[in-house]
Amino acid sequence: MLEVKDARQVFFPGLPDEKVALDGLNLTLAEGDFATVIGSNGAGKSTLLNAIAGAQRLDSGRIVINGDDVTQMPVHRRANHVARVFQDPMKGTAASMTIAENMLLAEMRQSKARLRIGLTLARRDKYREELSYLGLGLEDRMDTPVSLLSGGQRQSLSLVMAVSDRPDVLLLDEHTAALDPRTADLVLDATLRAVTALKLTTLMVTHNMQHAIDFGNRIVMLDAGQVIRELSGDEKANTSVPKLIDYFSVKSDRMVLGG
């Protein structure tokens, strides 16, 4: 379960270019919720993910994961609870290391053994099984340096590494935005299967409104650092891209009119 309570974040406070990124934002996800997050540039999407991951310290408010207040927890300790896949395929993997070595690094995040663990045959079999789930043939390239993979293959590997230890919260930061449409569909399909099979509490930021409709069980709409609307159940099932655009337009009109 994830709870974001009265989150507020202001950049450059008191200066002419002051920016309120999060303005008392509240959001609750039950265990296993898969929420897609949409909003214009500057709506607060990246700041929200940074706050949850611990990369950005809130000015005020709280982040609670499975009942534990992690607001003051540093990012390296927060990584025990939160996994994140970034937009840039280069960010989630070590290019000079092989696929198998990257998988081992992901496992080491949660292991007390740290450097004492190694690439045993049992681990290689485990990694091969996890990679085969993607349907990209990476399980047959375990000793290939990650630098030789395509962007889509590398992003798929990042996804497998992120979910391998079943994090309490999975953050997907526009993780298909840099991919071609066909590869993006493959990664999204793998994402859905992983999130569903492992029942992961997930936030997926996307600029693709159709993806927001097609994936997950909830849509969270952000504007000016606040959640302005949430759609789930029949309302989500019956929505469309034009309807989502209308929701944002109504909010914008109300702000202009002071409503």
C-alpha atoms as a PDB file:
ATOM      1  CA  MET A   1       0.000   0.000   0.000  1.00  0.00           C
ATOM      2  CA  LEU A   2       1.208   3.489  -0.855  1.00  0.00           C
ATOM      3  CA  GLU A   3      -0.003   6.696   0.770  1.00  0.00           C
ATOM      4  CA  VAL A   4       1.095  10.188  -0.218  1.00  0.00           C
ATOM      5  CA  LYS A   5      -0.272  12.657   2.311  1.00  0.00           C
ATOM      6  CA  ASP A   6      -0.413  16.432   1.824  1.00  0.00           C
ATOM      7  CA  ALA A   7       2.793  16.390  -0.219  1.00  0.00           C
ATOM      8  CA  ARG A   8       4.185  19.836  -0.931  1.00  0.00           C
ATOM      9  CA  GLN A   9       7.323  20.705  -2.868  1.00  0.00           C
ATOM     10  CA  VAL A  10       8.339  24.209  -3.938  1.00  0.00           C
ATOM     11  CA  PHE A  11      11.386  24.901  -6.062  1.00  0.00           C
ATOM     12  CA  PHE A  12      13.183  28.276  -5.800  1.00  0.00           C
ATOM     13  CA  PRO A  13      10.903  29.548  -3.000  1.00  0.00           C
ATOM     14  CA  GLY A  14      10.712  33.317  -2.679  1.00  0.00           C
ATOM     15  CA  LEU A  15      12.392  33.904  -6.024  1.00  0.00           C
ATOM     16  CA  PRO A  16      10.795  35.262  -9.217  1.00  0.00           C
ATOM     17  CA  ASP A  17      10.888  31.805 -10.803  1.00  0.00           C
ATOM     18  CA  GLU A  18       9.311  30.048  -7.808  1.00  0.00           C
ATOM     19  CA  LYS A  19       7.622  26.815  -8.877  1.00  0.00           C
ATOM     20  CA  VAL A  20       5.082  24.887  -6.820  1.00  0.00           C
ATOM     21  CA  ALA A  21       5.620  21.327  -8.037  1.00  0.00           C
ATOM     22  CA  LEU A  22       3.407  19.544  -5.501  1.00  0.00           C
ATOM     23  CA  ASP A  23       0.609  21.477  -3.833  1.00  0.00           C
ATOM     24  CA  GLY A  24      -0.819  19.409  -0.987  1.00  0.00           C
ATOM     25  CA  LEU A  25      -1.071  16.302  -3.153  1.00  0.00           C
ATOM     26  CA  ASN A  26      -2.887  13.285  -1.719  1.00  0.00           C
ATOM     27  CA  LEU A  27      -2.874   9.828  -3.257  1.00  0.00           C
ATOM     28  CA  THR A  28      -3.567   6.341  -1.912  1.00  0.00           C
ATOM     29  CA  LEU A  29      -2.921   3.075  -3.736  1.00  0.00           C
ATOM     30  CA  ALA A  30      -4.081  -0.229  -2.312  1.00  0.00           C
ATOM     31  CA  GLU A  31      -1.825  -3.252  -2.559  1.00  0.00           C
ATOM     32  CA  GLY A  32      -1.798  -4.465  -6.162  1.00  0.00           C
ATOM     33  CA  ASP A  33      -3.216  -1.250  -7.642  1.00  0.00           C
ATOM     34  CA  PHE A  34      -1.791  -0.395 -11.071  1.00  0.00           C
ATOM     35  CA  ALA A  35      -2.340   3.332 -11.585  1.00  0.00           C
ATOM     36  CA  THR A  36      -1.417   5.246 -14.708  1.00  0.00           C
ATOM     37  CA  VAL A  37      -0.513   8.900 -14.140  1.00  0.00           C
ATOM     38  CA  ILE A  38      -1.129  11.581 -16.744  1.00  0.00           C
ATOM     39  CA  GLY A  39      -0.730  15.340 -16.825  1.00  0.00           C
ATOM     40  CA  SER A  40       0.900  18.113 -18.809  1.00  0.00           C
ATOM     41  CA  ASN A  41       4.548  19.107 -18.485  1.00  0.00           C
ATOM     42  CA  GLY A  42       5.014  20.709 -15.087  1.00  0.00           C
ATOM     43  CA  ALA A  43       1.985  18.984 -13.567  1.00  0.00           C
ATOM     44  CA  GLY A  44       4.151  17.325 -10.910  1.00  0.00           C
ATOM     45  CA  LYS A  45       4.492  13.791 -12.282  1.00  0.00           C
ATOM     46  CA  SER A  46       8.275  13.472 -12.058  1.00  0.00           C
ATOM     47  CA  THR A  47       8.416  15.295  -8.728  1.00  0.00           C
ATOM     48  CA  LEU A  48       5.840  12.868  -7.331  1.00  0.00           C
ATOM     49  CA  LEU A  49       7.892   9.863  -8.417  1.00  0.00           C
ATOM     50  CA  ASN A  50      11.088  11.450  -7.097  1.00  0.00           C
ATOM     51  CA  ALA A  51       9.419  12.043  -3.733  1.00  0.00           C
ATOM     52  CA  ILE A  52       8.186   8.456  -3.497  1.00  0.00           C
ATOM     53  CA  ALA A  53      11.601   7.081  -4.486  1.00  0.00           C
ATOM     54  CA  GLY A  54      13.401   9.349  -2.018  1.00  0.00           C
ATOM     55  CA  ALA A  55      15.315  11.243  -4.689  1.00  0.00           C
ATOM     56  CA  GLN A  56      13.509  14.461  -3.713  1.00  0.00           C
ATOM     57  CA  ARG A  57      12.895  15.461  -0.096  1.00  0.00           C
ATOM     58  CA  LEU A  58       9.444  16.967   0.445  1.00  0.00           C
ATOM     59  CA  ASP A  59       9.060  20.404   2.009  1.00  0.00           C
ATOM     60  CA  SER A  60       6.108  18.978   3.923  1.00  0.00           C
ATOM     61  CA  GLY A  61       3.832  15.969   3.841  1.00  0.00           C
ATOM     62  CA  ARG A  62       4.386  12.252   4.280  1.00  0.00           C
ATOM     63  CA  ILE A  63       5.139   9.141   2.229  1.00  0.00           C
ATOM     64  CA  VAL A  64       3.867   5.910   3.804  1.00  0.00           C
ATOM     65  CA  ILE A  65       4.546   2.449   2.361  1.00  0.00           C
ATOM     66  CA  ASN A  66       2.758  -0.548   3.854  1.00  0.00           C
ATOM     67  CA  GLY A  67       2.159   1.396   7.048  1.00  0.00           C
ATOM     68  CA  ASP A  68       5.775   2.545   7.445  1.00  0.00           C
ATOM     69  CA  ASP A  69       6.531   6.264   7.247  1.00  0.00           C
ATOM     70  CA  VAL A  70       9.497   6.493   4.856  1.00  0.00           C
ATOM     71  CA  THR A  71       9.413  10.282   4.433  1.00  0.00           C
ATOM     72  CA  GLN A  72      12.811  10.817   6.056  1.00  0.00           C
ATOM     73  CA  MET A  73      14.350   7.599   4.755  1.00  0.00           C
ATOM     74  CA  PRO A  74      17.337   8.248   2.425  1.00  0.00           C
ATOM     75  CA  VAL A  75      17.157   7.081  -1.157  1.00  0.00           C
ATOM     76  CA  HIS A  76      19.515   4.116  -0.714  1.00  0.00           C
ATOM     77  CA  ARG A  77      17.347   2.703   2.083  1.00  0.00           C
ATOM     78  CA  ARG A  78      14.143   3.563   0.235  1.00  0.00           C
ATOM     79  CA  ALA A  79      15.408   1.274  -2.547  1.00  0.00           C
ATOM     80  CA  ASN A  80      14.545  -1.665  -0.286  1.00  0.00           C
ATOM     81  CA  HIS A  81      10.890  -0.715  -0.757  1.00  0.00           C
ATOM     82  CA  VAL A  82      10.736   1.047  -4.125  1.00  0.00           C
ATOM     83  CA  ALA A  83      11.975   0.035  -7.588  1.00  0.00           C
ATOM     84  CA  ARG A  84      12.038   2.427 -10.533  1.00  0.00           C
ATOM     85  CA  VAL A  85      12.409   2.123 -14.291  1.00  0.00           C
ATOM     86  CA  PHE A  86      13.419   5.367 -15.995  1.00  0.00           C
ATOM     87  CA  GLN A  87      12.614   6.735 -19.450  1.00  0.00           C
ATOM     88  CA  ASP A  88      16.247   6.464 -20.531  1.00  0.00           C
ATOM     89  CA  PRO A  89      17.143   2.800 -21.238  1.00  0.00           C
ATOM     90  CA  MET A  90      20.750   3.603 -20.302  1.00  0.00           C
ATOM     91  CA  LYS A  91      19.915   4.430 -16.678  1.00  0.00           C
ATOM     92  CA  GLY A  92      18.779   1.111 -15.276  1.00  0.00           C
ATOM     93  CA  THR A  93      21.673  -1.138 -16.258  1.00  0.00           C
ATOM     94  CA  ALA A  94      25.481  -1.343 -16.214  1.00  0.00           C
ATOM     95  CA  ALA A  95      26.593  -1.200 -19.851  1.00  0.00           C
ATOM     96  CA  SER A  96      30.000  -2.828 -19.420  1.00  0.00           C
ATOM     97  CA  MET A  97      28.616  -5.849 -17.586  1.00  0.00           C
ATOM     98  CA  THR A  98      26.826  -8.864 -19.035  1.00  0.00           C
ATOM     99  CA  ILE A  99      23.117  -9.553 -18.784  1.00  0.00           C
ATOM    100  CA  ALA A 100      23.750 -12.192 -16.118  1.00  0.00           C
ATOM    101  CA  GLU A 101      25.987  -9.848 -14.119  1.00  0.00           C
ATOM    102  CA  ASN A 102      23.318  -7.147 -14.217  1.00  0.00           C
ATOM    103  CA  MET A 103      20.759  -9.632 -12.932  1.00  0.00           C
ATOM    104  CA  LEU A 104      23.147 -10.524 -10.121  1.00  0.00           C
ATOM    105  CA  LEU A 105      23.532  -6.844  -9.224  1.00  0.00           C
ATOM    106  CA  ALA A 106      19.751  -6.545  -8.956  1.00  0.00           C
ATOM    107  CA  GLU A 107      19.652  -9.537  -6.623  1.00  0.00           C
ATOM    108  CA  MET A 108      22.468  -8.107  -4.498  1.00  0.00           C
ATOM    109  CA  ARG A 109      20.315  -5.078  -3.645  1.00  0.00           C
ATOM    110  CA  GLN A 110      18.363  -7.218  -1.194  1.00  0.00           C
ATOM    111  CA  SER A 111      21.070  -9.711  -0.223  1.00  0.00           C
ATOM    112  CA  LYS A 112      22.950  -9.512   3.052  1.00  0.00           C
ATOM    113  CA  ALA A 113      25.652 -11.690   1.477  1.00  0.00           C
ATOM    114  CA  ARG A 114      26.606  -8.887  -0.916  1.00  0.00           C
ATOM    115  CA  LEU A 115      29.856  -9.742  -2.700  1.00  0.00           C
ATOM    116  CA  ARG A 116      29.961 -13.266  -1.337  1.00  0.00           C
ATOM    117  CA  ILE A 117      27.237 -14.406  -3.718  1.00  0.00           C
ATOM    118  CA  GLY A 118      28.220 -15.390  -7.229  1.00  0.00           C
ATOM    119  CA  LEU A 119      26.893 -16.501 -10.593  1.00  0.00           C
ATOM    120  CA  THR A 120      26.125 -20.082  -9.670  1.00  0.00           C
ATOM    121  CA  LEU A 121      24.437 -22.460 -12.091  1.00  0.00           C
ATOM    122  CA  ALA A 122      21.273 -22.255 -10.015  1.00  0.00           C
ATOM    123  CA  ARG A 123      21.221 -18.472 -10.312  1.00  0.00           C
ATOM    124  CA  ARG A 124      21.869 -18.591 -14.040  1.00  0.00           C
ATOM    125  CA  ASP A 125      18.916 -20.972 -14.434  1.00  0.00           C
ATOM    126  CA  LYS A 126      16.758 -18.621 -12.362  1.00  0.00           C
ATOM    127  CA  TYR A 127      17.779 -15.601 -14.430  1.00  0.00           C
ATOM    128  CA  ARG A 128      17.215 -17.511 -17.663  1.00  0.00           C
ATOM    129  CA  GLU A 129      13.664 -18.330 -16.581  1.00  0.00           C
ATOM    130  CA  GLU A 130      12.944 -14.715 -15.609  1.00  0.00           C
ATOM    131  CA  LEU A 131      14.307 -13.394 -18.921  1.00  0.00           C
ATOM    132  CA  SER A 132      12.402 -15.946 -21.009  1.00  0.00           C
ATOM    133  CA  TYR A 133       9.220 -14.334 -19.708  1.00  0.00           C
ATOM    134  CA  LEU A 134       9.960 -11.331 -21.961  1.00  0.00           C
ATOM    135  CA  GLY A 135       9.928 -13.330 -25.184  1.00  0.00           C
ATOM    136  CA  LEU A 136      12.923 -11.409 -26.556  1.00  0.00           C
ATOM    137  CA  GLY A 137      15.496 -14.203 -26.518  1.00  0.00           C
ATOM    138  CA  LEU A 138      17.622 -12.529 -23.842  1.00  0.00           C
ATOM    139  CA  GLU A 139      17.759 -15.801 -21.933  1.00  0.00           C
ATOM    140  CA  ASP A 140      20.046 -17.106 -24.698  1.00  0.00           C
ATOM    141  CA  ARG A 141      22.391 -14.115 -24.436  1.00  0.00           C
ATOM    142  CA  MET A 142      23.226 -14.198 -20.742  1.00  0.00           C
ATOM    143  CA  ASP A 143      26.925 -13.506 -21.336  1.00  0.00           C
ATOM    144  CA  THR A 144      26.339 -10.635 -23.779  1.00  0.00           C
ATOM    145  CA  PRO A 145      27.472  -7.189 -22.578  1.00  0.00           C
ATOM    146  CA  VAL A 146      24.474  -4.940 -22.053  1.00  0.00           C
ATOM    147  CA  SER A 147      26.129  -2.301 -24.254  1.00  0.00           C
ATOM    148  CA  LEU A 148      25.359  -4.514 -27.263  1.00  0.00           C
ATOM    149  CA  LEU A 149      21.613  -4.615 -26.601  1.00  0.00           C
ATOM    150  CA  SER A 150      19.031  -2.450 -28.337  1.00  0.00           C
ATOM    151  CA  GLY A 151      17.193   0.207 -26.358  1.00  0.00           C
ATOM    152  CA  GLY A 152      14.108  -1.985 -26.101  1.00  0.00           C
ATOM    153  CA  GLN A 153      16.086  -5.008 -24.949  1.00  0.00           C
ATOM    154  CA  ARG A 154      17.906  -2.914 -22.382  1.00  0.00           C
ATOM    155  CA  GLN A 155      14.679  -1.410 -21.073  1.00  0.00           C
ATOM    156  CA  SER A 156      13.133  -4.875 -20.851  1.00  0.00           C
ATOM    157  CA  LEU A 157      16.134  -6.019 -18.825  1.00  0.00           C
ATOM    158  CA  SER A 158      15.701  -2.993 -16.545  1.00  0.00           C
ATOM    159  CA  LEU A 159      12.096  -4.036 -15.961  1.00  0.00           C
ATOM    160  CA  VAL A 160      13.047  -7.608 -15.050  1.00  0.00           C
ATOM    161  CA  MET A 161      15.745  -6.325 -12.699  1.00  0.00           C
ATOM    162  CA  ALA A 162      13.296  -3.910 -11.053  1.00  0.00           C
ATOM    163  CA  VAL A 163      10.658  -6.545 -10.297  1.00  0.00           C
ATOM    164  CA  SER A 164      12.995  -9.431  -9.466  1.00  0.00           C
ATOM    165  CA  ASP A 165      12.834  -8.800  -5.710  1.00  0.00           C
ATOM    166  CA  ARG A 166       9.101  -7.929  -5.696  1.00  0.00           C
ATOM    167  CA  PRO A 167       9.307  -4.319  -4.495  1.00  0.00           C
ATOM    168  CA  ASP A 168       6.556  -2.848  -2.347  1.00  0.00           C
ATOM    169  CA  VAL A 169       6.090  -0.105  -4.967  1.00  0.00           C
ATOM    170  CA  LEU A 170       7.099  -0.088  -8.644  1.00  0.00           C
ATOM    171  CA  LEU A 171       7.577   3.288 -10.349  1.00  0.00           C
ATOM    172  CA  LEU A 172       7.566   3.439 -14.151  1.00  0.00           C
ATOM    173  CA  ASP A 173       8.749   6.846 -15.321  1.00  0.00           C
ATOM    174  CA  GLU A 174       7.627   7.011 -18.969  1.00  0.00           C
ATOM    175  CA  HIS A 175       9.628   3.831 -19.450  1.00  0.00           C
ATOM    176  CA  THR A 176       8.521   3.307 -23.069  1.00  0.00           C
ATOM    177  CA  ALA A 177       8.732   6.925 -24.274  1.00  0.00           C
ATOM    178  CA  ALA A 178      12.169   6.485 -25.895  1.00  0.00           C
ATOM    179  CA  LEU A 179      11.239   3.277 -27.729  1.00  0.00           C
ATOM    180  CA  ASP A 180       9.784   2.687 -31.181  1.00  0.00           C
ATOM    181  CA  PRO A 181       6.058   1.770 -31.174  1.00  0.00           C
ATOM    182  CA  ARG A 182       6.551  -1.972 -31.706  1.00  0.00           C
ATOM    183  CA  THR A 183       9.176  -2.283 -28.976  1.00  0.00           C
ATOM    184  CA  ALA A 184       7.115  -0.080 -26.663  1.00  0.00           C
ATOM    185  CA  ASP A 185       4.181  -2.465 -27.064  1.00  0.00           C
ATOM    186  CA  LEU A 186       6.414  -5.436 -26.199  1.00  0.00           C
ATOM    187  CA  VAL A 187       7.724  -3.721 -23.074  1.00  0.00           C
ATOM    188  CA  LEU A 188       4.227  -2.655 -22.017  1.00  0.00           C
ATOM    189  CA  ASP A 189       2.954  -6.196 -22.488  1.00  0.00           C
ATOM    190  CA  ALA A 190       5.811  -7.521 -20.350  1.00  0.00           C
ATOM    191  CA  THR A 191       5.058  -4.819 -17.777  1.00  0.00           C
ATOM    192  CA  LEU A 192       1.409  -5.809 -17.531  1.00  0.00           C
ATOM    193  CA  ARG A 193       2.243  -9.496 -17.166  1.00  0.00           C
ATOM    194  CA  ALA A 194       4.849  -8.832 -14.472  1.00  0.00           C
ATOM    195  CA  VAL A 195       2.685  -6.416 -12.485  1.00  0.00           C
ATOM    196  CA  THR A 196      -0.321  -8.741 -12.672  1.00  0.00           C
ATOM    197  CA  ALA A 197       1.568 -11.936 -11.848  1.00  0.00           C
ATOM    198  CA  LEU A 198       3.424 -10.396  -8.891  1.00  0.00           C
ATOM    199  CA  LYS A 199       0.500  -8.185  -7.773  1.00  0.00           C
ATOM    200  CA  LEU A 200       2.796  -5.169  -7.590  1.00  0.00           C
ATOM    201  CA  THR A 201       1.559  -1.783  -6.428  1.00  0.00           C
ATOM    202  CA  THR A 202       2.502   0.305  -9.459  1.00  0.00           C
ATOM    203  CA  LEU A 203       2.547   3.920 -10.643  1.00  0.00           C
ATOM    204  CA  MET A 204       3.158   4.351 -14.379  1.00  0.00           C
ATOM    205  CA  VAL A 205       3.676   7.878 -15.673  1.00  0.00           C
ATOM    206  CA  THR A 206       2.845   8.249 -19.353  1.00  0.00           C
ATOM    207  CA  HIS A 207       2.179  10.992 -21.887  1.00  0.00           C
ATOM    208  CA  ASN A 208       0.235   8.506 -24.014  1.00  0.00           C
ATOM    209  CA  MET A 209      -3.385   8.858 -22.958  1.00  0.00           C
ATOM    210  CA  GLN A 210      -4.425   5.704 -24.797  1.00  0.00           C
ATOM    211  CA  HIS A 211      -1.866   3.739 -22.787  1.00  0.00           C
ATOM    212  CA  ALA A 212      -3.305   5.305 -19.632  1.00  0.00           C
ATOM    213  CA  ILE A 213      -6.706   3.940 -20.622  1.00  0.00           C
ATOM    214  CA  ASP A 214      -5.513   0.517 -21.775  1.00  0.00           C
ATOM    215  CA  PHE A 215      -3.296  -0.329 -18.807  1.00  0.00           C
ATOM    216  CA  GLY A 216      -3.881  -0.499 -15.085  1.00  0.00           C
ATOM    217  CA  ASN A 217      -7.021  -0.341 -12.986  1.00  0.00           C
ATOM    218  CA  ARG A 218      -6.883   3.390 -12.212  1.00  0.00           C
ATOM    219  CA  ILE A 219      -6.094   6.658 -13.965  1.00  0.00           C
ATOM    220  CA  VAL A 220      -4.669   9.478 -11.852  1.00  0.00           C
ATOM    221  CA  MET A 221      -4.857  12.925 -13.432  1.00  0.00           C
ATOM    222  CA  LEU A 222      -2.405  15.565 -12.192  1.00  0.00           C
ATOM    223  CA  ASP A 223      -2.484  19.302 -12.744  1.00  0.00           C
ATOM    224  CA  ALA A 224      -0.582  22.079 -10.967  1.00  0.00           C
ATOM    225  CA  GLY A 225       0.780  19.658  -8.380  1.00  0.00           C
ATOM    226  CA  GLN A 226      -2.572  18.196  -7.362  1.00  0.00           C
ATOM    227  CA  VAL A 227      -4.660  15.137  -8.164  1.00  0.00           C
ATOM    228  CA  ILE A 228      -7.609  16.666  -9.993  1.00  0.00           C
ATOM    229  CA  ARG A 229      -9.446  13.464 -10.859  1.00  0.00           C
ATOM    230  CA  GLU A 230      -9.198   9.688 -10.531  1.00  0.00           C
ATOM    231  CA  LEU A 231     -10.941   7.173 -12.749  1.00  0.00           C
ATOM    232  CA  SER A 232     -11.486   3.508 -11.987  1.00  0.00           C
ATOM    233  CA  GLY A 233     -14.011   0.748 -12.612  1.00  0.00           C
ATOM    234  CA  ASP A 234     -16.706   1.486 -15.173  1.00  0.00           C
ATOM    235  CA  GLU A 235     -15.707   5.146 -15.455  1.00  0.00           C
ATOM    236  CA  LYS A 236     -12.213   4.156 -16.558  1.00  0.00           C
ATOM    237  CA  ALA A 237     -13.503   1.376 -18.811  1.00  0.00           C
ATOM    238  CA  ASN A 238     -15.845   3.783 -20.588  1.00  0.00           C
ATOM    239  CA  THR A 239     -13.507   6.745 -20.941  1.00  0.00           C
ATOM    240  CA  SER A 240     -11.675   7.851 -24.079  1.00  0.00           C
ATOM    241  CA  VAL A 241      -8.833  10.155 -25.036  1.00  0.00           C
ATOM    242  CA  PRO A 242     -11.236  13.012 -25.960  1.00  0.00           C
ATOM    243  CA  LYS A 243     -12.950  12.656 -22.572  1.00  0.00           C
ATOM    244  CA  LEU A 244      -9.625  12.844 -20.741  1.00  0.00           C
ATOM    245  CA  ILE A 245      -8.690  15.958 -22.701  1.00  0.00           C
ATOM    246  CA  ASP A 246     -12.065  17.465 -21.799  1.00  0.00           C
ATOM    247  CA  TYR A 247     -11.444  16.816 -18.090  1.00  0.00           C
ATOM    248  CA  PHE A 248      -8.185  18.758 -18.289  1.00  0.00           C
ATOM    249  CA  SER A 249      -9.860  21.533 -20.305  1.00  0.00           C
ATOM    250  CA  VAL A 250     -12.610  21.950 -17.710  1.00  0.00           C
ATOM    251  CA  LYS A 251     -10.014  22.227 -14.942  1.00  0.00           C
ATOM    252  CA  SER A 252      -8.058  24.818 -16.949  1.00  0.00           C
ATOM    253  CA  ASP A 253     -11.201  26.855 -17.632  1.00  0.00           C
ATOM    254  CA  ARG A 254     -12.105  26.845 -13.935  1.00  0.00           C
ATOM    255  CA  MET A 255      -8.649  28.119 -13.016  1.00  0.00           C
ATOM    256  CA  VAL A 256      -8.908  30.946 -15.552  1.00  0.00           C
ATOM    257  CA  LEU A 257     -12.347  31.876 -14.215  1.00  0.00           C
ATOM    258  CA  GLY A 258     -11.247  31.576 -10.604  1.00  0.00           C
ATOM    259  CA  GLY A 259     -13.629  28.697  -9.932  1.00  0.00           C
END
